[in-house]
């Protein structure tokens, strides 16, 4: 799947040789420029307007294509076995690997690629066991386990390119830093390097049991439902060497404006941020429910459906207590002034570890009626009370403790072979 025909700013060859002395002192810039497309070597996804790569008046000089190469080879295996007339079981295993390699103007393997590639490896195990106690009493037990690992990464993630070229090393020990766009001012161009790498591992455990009993005009059903949901999230966006922004107004450039590319070659960093410490979010939810239902055939043409479900959903907690909530009834100070509000970490303030208090009033009554005045007409009516499920709600880091630290400068020459930005 691909999109074509969009315009984007790319650098002509003349822009790559404007500062040979400075470029010779900046090995990182030399490496980056060697990976950039040129009119003589544009790659399969770029077409320059002209052989010299010069710009139009609107600041564009090339067509580009973007798309994704998707691989999805899944399989599922199920085994059913009947031991006898009263016992049967099934087991199913499903594996769904989905690999999506994206490209945006550059080759998928190019380290400057600005769009990440995604991988998802999902596994599911299901088991069901049915036992007949009698013709009137049947029990069904079911279990499910689901695990999904999702990786969002950039090409060449196994090498720490920042450390390799004398910059602030990647906290994760691997990856390529995000270096922004090199388009001439006031235009924006293709960005280089991704800044949203992440890993997420989800695990769900499901247990349930249903008992059906036929007794005279009644069909009774009883059941329980237990779920344990986990989501372990790792924000790598600032851990692969940080994010750089280069000031285009610090260097004269083409089109009568500045040049972010020239600022990059000279090492004029406008802004640099990274994440000094990775703080994963290990989130947990729990869900418990039980129900009772009676399909009562009052007469030959009248049936009542009576039921009650009770459920308790435990709001999100974090395994290490790295989350919190705001209370508006606690006094404090803000910038030296009295203020009524406070941010409470898990197990602080009121002592709870969840984002909000547990709702213990999860009663859900259900009633229905079916009346058939004739063999060709049936009148039905029903009422039920249901709640919006909360299990899995708030599944992103909130608050996100992967706080970036940064340094903002006008034009420090920090990309030379002898200096590096500080965290």
Foldseek 3Di string as FASTA:
>chain_A
DKDWDDWFAFDFPVLLPPDVVLLVQFVVLVVVVVLGAYLVRQPDFKHFPDSRQDDDLVQTTIMGMKDKDKDWDKDKDKDKDDPDPFKIKMKMKIWIKMKIQIATSHDSQRQFGAAWIKIKIKMKIKMKMKGDPDPFKIKIKMKMKMKMKMWTAGHFFQAFVCVVQPADTFQVRGGDEWEAAFGAPPDGGDTTGYQWTKMKMKMKIKIKMKMWGDDVQKIKIKMKIKMKIKMKIWTRRQRRRWYWFFDQQVAQDPPRGGTSSVLVSQQFTQKTKGQNDIDIWIKIKIKIKMKMWMFGCPDPFKTKIWMKMFMKIAAIFTPVQPAWEKDQQCWDDDPRHIHRMDTATACPDVGHRHHDDIDRPRMKIKMKMWGDPDPVDIDIDMDIDDDDDRVCPPVDPVVRPSDMDMDGDRTDSASGSPHYDDD
